[in-house]
């Protein structure tokens, strides 16, 4: 009888040991799967704030690191009209890196923003350091081409432009007049838009005088004062 009891006790201990081992493994797996994202690093954003990106990607809830795929994060962020591309990297230590590439805002028109891809969207973020387009370009293909060209202008120079007026002439349908913050006027055509990137050098040669700078043809300056 005593030997039979020992066998039963031994079997019960083995069963309990296996049960505790199983529960321990389940607990470890559950802990690993549900462990949340610890840190999020966001780079490359200028218009969108870190908080906005965290919100639209649902990373502000610090979800499970393992159950949250890079694709699901990207799919949420790329829907924002300002986002041109986004790359998500998952790093050791439950860290997620978000690298944003934004479209630039090239014009404002009434309560709208025109992006560097030609898309017109509401000025949700109340951007104020964007050149004002005085007259809308009705031809969308030209508007898109104009936005793309101005999107390639150096950001520091673009911010020096106060207003942009579409002023086509018979020999040049791509001609624009730029009203600069410092009072100068610049005529430019889309095929020569890269010349505006040298605006600071051109202005410095005026020795403090105001003028009309013709970069559309002839590259000359007509001084006003």
C-alpha atoms as a PDB file:
ATOM      1  CA  UNK A   1       0.000   0.000   0.000  1.00  0.00           C
ATOM      2  CA  UNK A   2       2.784   2.414   0.865  1.00  0.00           C
ATOM      3  CA  UNK A   3       4.485   1.849  -2.500  1.00  0.00           C
ATOM      4  CA  UNK A   4       1.223   2.550  -4.348  1.00  0.00           C
ATOM      5  CA  UNK A   5       0.790   5.871  -2.514  1.00  0.00           C
ATOM      6  CA  UNK A   6       4.357   6.878  -3.387  1.00  0.00           C
ATOM      7  CA  UNK A   7       3.704   6.173  -7.063  1.00  0.00           C
ATOM      8  CA  UNK A   8       0.510   8.286  -6.972  1.00  0.00           C
ATOM      9  CA  UNK A   9       2.293  11.154  -5.198  1.00  0.00           C
ATOM     10  CA  UNK A  10       5.130  10.968  -7.729  1.00  0.00           C
ATOM     11  CA  UNK A  11       2.685  11.094 -10.640  1.00  0.00           C
ATOM     12  CA  UNK A  12       0.821  14.053  -9.126  1.00  0.00           C
ATOM     13  CA  UNK A  13       4.109  15.930  -8.624  1.00  0.00           C
ATOM     14  CA  UNK A  14       5.089  15.260 -12.240  1.00  0.00           C
ATOM     15  CA  UNK A  15       1.714  16.457 -13.496  1.00  0.00           C
ATOM     16  CA  UNK A  16       1.895  19.604 -11.369  1.00  0.00           C
ATOM     17  CA  UNK A  17       5.454  20.235 -12.540  1.00  0.00           C
ATOM     18  CA  UNK A  18       4.440  19.901 -16.183  1.00  0.00           C
ATOM     19  CA  UNK A  19       1.410  22.143 -15.571  1.00  0.00           C
ATOM     20  CA  UNK A  20       3.538  24.862 -13.972  1.00  0.00           C
ATOM     21  CA  UNK A  21       6.080  24.541 -16.780  1.00  0.00           C
ATOM     22  CA  UNK A  22       3.339  24.868 -19.402  1.00  0.00           C
ATOM     23  CA  UNK A  23       1.818  27.876 -17.644  1.00  0.00           C
ATOM     24  CA  UNK A  24       5.278  29.444 -17.390  1.00  0.00           C
ATOM     25  CA  UNK A  25       5.884  29.015 -21.119  1.00  0.00           C
ATOM     26  CA  UNK A  26       2.422  30.419 -21.925  1.00  0.00           C
ATOM     27  CA  UNK A  27       3.101  33.362 -19.619  1.00  0.00           C
ATOM     28  CA  UNK A  28       6.433  34.103 -21.263  1.00  0.00           C
ATOM     29  CA  UNK A  29       4.926  33.895 -24.749  1.00  0.00           C
ATOM     30  CA  UNK A  30       2.025  36.148 -23.729  1.00  0.00           C
ATOM     31  CA  UNK A  31       4.414  38.649 -22.139  1.00  0.00           C
ATOM     32  CA  UNK A  32       6.592  38.692 -25.253  1.00  0.00           C
ATOM     33  CA  UNK A  33       3.678  39.063 -27.654  1.00  0.00           C
ATOM     34  CA  UNK A  34       1.915  41.796 -25.669  1.00  0.00           C
ATOM     35  CA  UNK A  35       5.034  43.775 -24.731  1.00  0.00           C
ATOM     36  CA  UNK A  36       4.324  47.309 -25.990  1.00  0.00           C
ATOM     37  CA  UNK A  37       6.370  49.631 -28.151  1.00  0.00           C
ATOM     38  CA  UNK A  38       8.762  51.449 -25.808  1.00  0.00           C
ATOM     39  CA  UNK A  39      10.089  54.294 -27.947  1.00  0.00           C
ATOM     40  CA  UNK A  40       9.172  55.937 -31.261  1.00  0.00           C
ATOM     41  CA  UNK A  41      11.674  58.108 -33.150  1.00  0.00           C
ATOM     42  CA  UNK A  42      10.296  60.292 -35.952  1.00  0.00           C
ATOM     43  CA  UNK A  43      12.533  61.958 -38.534  1.00  0.00           C
ATOM     44  CA  UNK A  44      12.136  64.041 -41.684  1.00  0.00           C
ATOM     45  CA  UNK A  45       8.841  65.741 -40.811  1.00  0.00           C
ATOM     46  CA  UNK A  46       8.553  69.530 -41.079  1.00  0.00           C
ATOM     47  CA  UNK A  47       4.871  70.251 -41.606  1.00  0.00           C
ATOM     48  CA  UNK A  48       3.409  67.343 -39.664  1.00  0.00           C
ATOM     49  CA  UNK A  49       4.164  67.330 -35.954  1.00  0.00           C
ATOM     50  CA  UNK A  50       5.441  64.282 -34.104  1.00  0.00           C
ATOM     51  CA  UNK A  51       2.149  64.173 -32.203  1.00  0.00           C
ATOM     52  CA  UNK A  52       0.122  64.149 -35.424  1.00  0.00           C
ATOM     53  CA  UNK A  53       2.171  61.269 -36.824  1.00  0.00           C
ATOM     54  CA  UNK A  54       1.870  59.339 -33.567  1.00  0.00           C
ATOM     55  CA  UNK A  55      -1.900  59.832 -33.657  1.00  0.00           C
ATOM     56  CA  UNK A  56      -2.581  58.888 -37.273  1.00  0.00           C
ATOM     57  CA  UNK A  57      -0.358  55.815 -36.986  1.00  0.00           C
ATOM     58  CA  UNK A  58      -1.976  54.785 -33.655  1.00  0.00           C
ATOM     59  CA  UNK A  59       1.504  54.588 -32.135  1.00  0.00           C
ATOM     60  CA  UNK A  60       0.325  57.027 -29.461  1.00  0.00           C
ATOM     61  CA  UNK A  61      -1.403  54.026 -27.869  1.00  0.00           C
ATOM     62  CA  UNK A  62       1.943  52.166 -27.685  1.00  0.00           C
ATOM     63  CA  UNK A  63       0.551  48.894 -29.074  1.00  0.00           C
ATOM     64  CA  UNK A  64       2.185  45.475 -29.024  1.00  0.00           C
ATOM     65  CA  UNK A  65       5.603  45.642 -30.666  1.00  0.00           C
ATOM     66  CA  UNK A  66       5.360  42.148 -32.182  1.00  0.00           C
ATOM     67  CA  UNK A  67       1.728  42.347 -33.285  1.00  0.00           C
ATOM     68  CA  UNK A  68       2.094  45.779 -34.928  1.00  0.00           C
ATOM     69  CA  UNK A  69       3.542  45.367 -38.415  1.00  0.00           C
ATOM     70  CA  UNK A  70       5.627  47.970 -40.214  1.00  0.00           C
ATOM     71  CA  UNK A  71       3.174  47.762 -43.125  1.00  0.00           C
ATOM     72  CA  UNK A  72       0.168  48.602 -40.956  1.00  0.00           C
ATOM     73  CA  UNK A  73       1.961  51.678 -39.588  1.00  0.00           C
ATOM     74  CA  UNK A  74       3.006  52.807 -43.068  1.00  0.00           C
ATOM     75  CA  UNK A  75      -0.482  52.301 -44.499  1.00  0.00           C
ATOM     76  CA  UNK A  76      -1.937  54.670 -41.908  1.00  0.00           C
ATOM     77  CA  UNK A  77       0.683  57.418 -42.305  1.00  0.00           C
ATOM     78  CA  UNK A  78       0.848  57.393 -46.121  1.00  0.00           C
ATOM     79  CA  UNK A  79      -2.849  58.403 -46.276  1.00  0.00           C
ATOM     80  CA  UNK A  80      -1.963  61.907 -45.096  1.00  0.00           C
ATOM     81  CA  UNK A  81      -1.779  64.174 -48.191  1.00  0.00           C
ATOM     82  CA  UNK A  82       1.451  65.799 -46.992  1.00  0.00           C
ATOM     83  CA  UNK A  83       3.271  62.452 -46.890  1.00  0.00           C
ATOM     84  CA  UNK A  84       5.148  61.536 -50.054  1.00  0.00           C
ATOM     85  CA  UNK A  85       6.807  58.432 -48.621  1.00  0.00           C
ATOM     86  CA  UNK A  86       7.462  56.831 -45.251  1.00  0.00           C
ATOM     87  CA  UNK A  87       9.818  54.098 -44.107  1.00  0.00           C
ATOM     88  CA  UNK A  88       9.294  52.147 -40.900  1.00  0.00           C
ATOM     89  CA  UNK A  89      12.097  50.324 -39.087  1.00  0.00           C
ATOM     90  CA  UNK A  90      11.692  48.103 -36.042  1.00  0.00           C
ATOM     91  CA  UNK A  91      14.744  48.060 -33.799  1.00  0.00           C
ATOM     92  CA  UNK A  92      15.954  45.991 -30.864  1.00  0.00           C
ATOM     93  CA  UNK A  93      14.483  47.083 -27.558  1.00  0.00           C
ATOM     94  CA  UNK A  94      10.958  47.558 -28.936  1.00  0.00           C
ATOM     95  CA  UNK A  95      11.940  50.732 -30.744  1.00  0.00           C
ATOM     96  CA  UNK A  96      10.218  51.957 -33.914  1.00  0.00           C
ATOM     97  CA  UNK A  97      11.799  54.503 -36.265  1.00  0.00           C
ATOM     98  CA  UNK A  98       9.577  56.480 -38.637  1.00  0.00           C
ATOM     99  CA  UNK A  99      11.296  58.301 -41.520  1.00  0.00           C
ATOM    100  CA  UNK A 100       8.967  60.741 -43.259  1.00  0.00           C
ATOM    101  CA  UNK A 101       9.347  62.359 -46.684  1.00  0.00           C
ATOM    102  CA  UNK A 102       6.852  65.192 -47.102  1.00  0.00           C
ATOM    103  CA  UNK A 103       5.553  67.072 -50.100  1.00  0.00           C
ATOM    104  CA  UNK A 104       6.412  70.737 -49.700  1.00  0.00           C
ATOM    105  CA  UNK A 105       3.750  73.447 -49.587  1.00  0.00           C
ATOM    106  CA  UNK A 106       4.535  75.736 -52.528  1.00  0.00           C
ATOM    107  CA  UNK A 107       1.520  78.078 -52.661  1.00  0.00           C
ATOM    108  CA  UNK A 108      -1.419  79.178 -50.582  1.00  0.00           C
ATOM    109  CA  UNK A 109      -4.620  80.216 -52.335  1.00  0.00           C
ATOM    110  CA  UNK A 110      -7.545  81.504 -50.287  1.00  0.00           C
ATOM    111  CA  UNK A 111      -7.968  78.834 -47.578  1.00  0.00           C
ATOM    112  CA  UNK A 112      -6.159  76.140 -49.571  1.00  0.00           C
ATOM    113  CA  UNK A 113      -2.588  74.873 -49.888  1.00  0.00           C
ATOM    114  CA  UNK A 114      -1.057  73.688 -53.157  1.00  0.00           C
ATOM    115  CA  UNK A 115       1.525  70.975 -52.650  1.00  0.00           C
ATOM    116  CA  UNK A 116       4.604  70.249 -54.732  1.00  0.00           C
ATOM    117  CA  UNK A 117       2.723  67.449 -56.513  1.00  0.00           C
ATOM    118  CA  UNK A 118      -0.018  69.861 -57.633  1.00  0.00           C
ATOM    119  CA  UNK A 119      -2.603  68.606 -55.171  1.00  0.00           C
ATOM    120  CA  UNK A 120      -4.881  71.249 -53.639  1.00  0.00           C
ATOM    121  CA  UNK A 121      -5.850  70.605 -50.013  1.00  0.00           C
ATOM    122  CA  UNK A 122      -7.355  72.591 -47.110  1.00  0.00           C
ATOM    123  CA  UNK A 123      -4.853  74.625 -45.089  1.00  0.00           C
ATOM    124  CA  UNK A 124      -5.470  72.429 -42.056  1.00  0.00           C
ATOM    125  CA  UNK A 125      -2.244  73.404 -40.309  1.00  0.00           C
ATOM    126  CA  UNK A 126      -2.650  77.148 -40.954  1.00  0.00           C
ATOM    127  CA  UNK A 127       0.635  77.444 -42.824  1.00  0.00           C
ATOM    128  CA  UNK A 128       1.578  81.100 -43.163  1.00  0.00           C
ATOM    129  CA  UNK A 129       5.122  81.094 -44.569  1.00  0.00           C
ATOM    130  CA  UNK A 130       3.967  79.976 -48.025  1.00  0.00           C
ATOM    131  CA  UNK A 131       3.890  82.234 -51.130  1.00  0.00           C
ATOM    132  CA  UNK A 132       0.376  83.447 -51.936  1.00  0.00           C
ATOM    133  CA  UNK A 133      -0.836  82.582 -55.424  1.00  0.00           C
ATOM    134  CA  UNK A 134      -2.738  85.696 -56.517  1.00  0.00           C
ATOM    135  CA  UNK A 135      -4.568  84.166 -59.463  1.00  0.00           C
ATOM    136  CA  UNK A 136      -5.477  80.516 -59.834  1.00  0.00           C
ATOM    137  CA  UNK A 137      -4.139  78.638 -62.859  1.00  0.00           C
ATOM    138  CA  UNK A 138      -7.189  77.007 -64.434  1.00  0.00           C
ATOM    139  CA  UNK A 139      -5.223  74.564 -66.582  1.00  0.00           C
ATOM    140  CA  UNK A 140      -4.558  71.738 -64.104  1.00  0.00           C
ATOM    141  CA  UNK A 141      -1.689  70.267 -66.121  1.00  0.00           C
ATOM    142  CA  UNK A 142       0.051  73.661 -66.012  1.00  0.00           C
ATOM    143  CA  UNK A 143      -0.775  74.076 -62.324  1.00  0.00           C
ATOM    144  CA  UNK A 144       0.721  70.678 -61.565  1.00  0.00           C
ATOM    145  CA  UNK A 145       3.848  71.428 -63.612  1.00  0.00           C
ATOM    146  CA  UNK A 146       4.159  74.805 -61.884  1.00  0.00           C
ATOM    147  CA  UNK A 147       3.838  73.232 -58.440  1.00  0.00           C
ATOM    148  CA  UNK A 148       6.456  70.603 -59.266  1.00  0.00           C
ATOM    149  CA  UNK A 149       8.869  73.260 -60.561  1.00  0.00           C
ATOM    150  CA  UNK A 150       8.394  75.522 -57.531  1.00  0.00           C
ATOM    151  CA  UNK A 151       8.733  72.454 -55.318  1.00  0.00           C
ATOM    152  CA  UNK A 152      12.330  72.229 -56.533  1.00  0.00           C
ATOM    153  CA  UNK A 153      13.144  75.772 -55.391  1.00  0.00           C
ATOM    154  CA  UNK A 154      15.434  76.044 -52.375  1.00  0.00           C
ATOM    155  CA  UNK A 155      13.228  76.241 -49.267  1.00  0.00           C
ATOM    156  CA  UNK A 156      14.998  79.333 -47.933  1.00  0.00           C
ATOM    157  CA  UNK A 157      14.449  81.180 -51.217  1.00  0.00           C
ATOM    158  CA  UNK A 158      10.832  80.026 -51.499  1.00  0.00           C
ATOM    159  CA  UNK A 159      10.122  81.579 -48.087  1.00  0.00           C
ATOM    160  CA  UNK A 160      11.426  84.909 -49.397  1.00  0.00           C
ATOM    161  CA  UNK A 161       8.628  85.019 -51.973  1.00  0.00           C
ATOM    162  CA  UNK A 162       5.578  86.863 -50.677  1.00  0.00           C
ATOM    163  CA  UNK A 163       3.237  86.523 -53.657  1.00  0.00           C
ATOM    164  CA  UNK A 164       3.188  84.808 -57.040  1.00  0.00           C
ATOM    165  CA  UNK A 165       1.192  86.089 -60.005  1.00  0.00           C
ATOM    166  CA  UNK A 166       0.679  84.122 -63.188  1.00  0.00           C
ATOM    167  CA  UNK A 167       1.458  86.569 -66.020  1.00  0.00           C
ATOM    168  CA  UNK A 168       1.588  84.723 -69.349  1.00  0.00           C
ATOM    169  CA  UNK A 169       2.485  86.589 -72.520  1.00  0.00           C
ATOM    170  CA  UNK A 170       2.073  85.568 -76.132  1.00  0.00           C
ATOM    171  CA  UNK A 171       5.621  84.242 -76.416  1.00  0.00           C
ATOM    172  CA  UNK A 172       5.715  82.631 -72.967  1.00  0.00           C
ATOM    173  CA  UNK A 173       2.702  80.938 -71.388  1.00  0.00           C
ATOM    174  CA  UNK A 174       4.795  79.811 -68.403  1.00  0.00           C
ATOM    175  CA  UNK A 175       5.699  83.303 -67.168  1.00  0.00           C
ATOM    176  CA  UNK A 176       5.286  84.411 -63.535  1.00  0.00           C
ATOM    177  CA  UNK A 177       5.877  87.569 -61.523  1.00  0.00           C
ATOM    178  CA  UNK A 178       7.279  87.032 -58.031  1.00  0.00           C
ATOM    179  CA  UNK A 179       6.795  89.636 -55.325  1.00  0.00           C
ATOM    180  CA  UNK A 180       9.703  89.263 -52.917  1.00  0.00           C
ATOM    181  CA  UNK A 181       9.508  90.065 -49.201  1.00  0.00           C
ATOM    182  CA  UNK A 182      12.252  92.680 -49.572  1.00  0.00           C
ATOM    183  CA  UNK A 183      10.318  94.647 -52.211  1.00  0.00           C
ATOM    184  CA  UNK A 184      12.033  93.388 -55.367  1.00  0.00           C
ATOM    185  CA  UNK A 185      10.070  91.983 -58.280  1.00  0.00           C
ATOM    186  CA  UNK A 186      11.231  88.975 -60.267  1.00  0.00           C
ATOM    187  CA  UNK A 187       9.977  87.764 -63.626  1.00  0.00           C
ATOM    188  CA  UNK A 188      10.606  84.056 -64.117  1.00  0.00           C
ATOM    189  CA  UNK A 189       9.538  81.303 -66.481  1.00  0.00           C
ATOM    190  CA  UNK A 190       9.192  77.657 -65.548  1.00  0.00           C
ATOM    191  CA  UNK A 191      12.000  76.479 -67.824  1.00  0.00           C
ATOM    192  CA  UNK A 192      14.385  78.802 -65.945  1.00  0.00           C
ATOM    193  CA  UNK A 193      12.960  78.402 -62.445  1.00  0.00           C
ATOM    194  CA  UNK A 194      16.311  77.139 -61.114  1.00  0.00           C
ATOM    195  CA  UNK A 195      17.706  80.675 -61.548  1.00  0.00           C
ATOM    196  CA  UNK A 196      15.660  81.906 -58.586  1.00  0.00           C
ATOM    197  CA  UNK A 197      17.845  79.764 -56.333  1.00  0.00           C
ATOM    198  CA  UNK A 198      20.579  82.381 -56.872  1.00  0.00           C
ATOM    199  CA  UNK A 199      18.286  85.183 -55.752  1.00  0.00           C
ATOM    200  CA  UNK A 200      20.385  86.156 -52.720  1.00  0.00           C
ATOM    201  CA  UNK A 201      23.486  86.562 -54.890  1.00  0.00           C
ATOM    202  CA  UNK A 202      21.560  88.667 -57.397  1.00  0.00           C
ATOM    203  CA  UNK A 203      20.070  90.854 -54.654  1.00  0.00           C
ATOM    204  CA  UNK A 204      23.460  91.456 -53.051  1.00  0.00           C
ATOM    205  CA  UNK A 205      24.725  92.915 -56.329  1.00  0.00           C
ATOM    206  CA  UNK A 206      22.005  95.592 -56.187  1.00  0.00           C
ATOM    207  CA  UNK A 207      23.827  97.302 -53.277  1.00  0.00           C
ATOM    208  CA  UNK A 208      20.612  98.050 -51.420  1.00  0.00           C
ATOM    209  CA  UNK A 209      18.650  99.266 -54.453  1.00  0.00           C
ATOM    210  CA  UNK A 210      15.212  97.925 -55.317  1.00  0.00           C
ATOM    211  CA  UNK A 211      14.573  96.656 -58.790  1.00  0.00           C
ATOM    212  CA  UNK A 212      12.726  94.485 -61.251  1.00  0.00           C
ATOM    213  CA  UNK A 213      14.782  91.385 -61.972  1.00  0.00           C
ATOM    214  CA  UNK A 214      14.134  89.736 -65.324  1.00  0.00           C
ATOM    215  CA  UNK A 215      15.116  86.080 -65.179  1.00  0.00           C
ATOM    216  CA  UNK A 216      12.612  85.027 -67.825  1.00  0.00           C
ATOM    217  CA  UNK A 217      14.652  86.474 -70.670  1.00  0.00           C
ATOM    218  CA  UNK A 218      17.864  88.467 -70.863  1.00  0.00           C
ATOM    219  CA  UNK A 219      18.828  88.170 -67.184  1.00  0.00           C
ATOM    220  CA  UNK A 220      18.946  91.901 -66.461  1.00  0.00           C
ATOM    221  CA  UNK A 221      17.808  94.266 -63.690  1.00  0.00           C
ATOM    222  CA  UNK A 222      15.764  97.443 -63.995  1.00  0.00           C
ATOM    223  CA  UNK A 223      16.478  99.540 -60.885  1.00  0.00           C
ATOM    224  CA  UNK A 224      13.572 101.304 -59.175  1.00  0.00           C
ATOM    225  CA  UNK A 225      15.542 103.242 -56.525  1.00  0.00           C
END
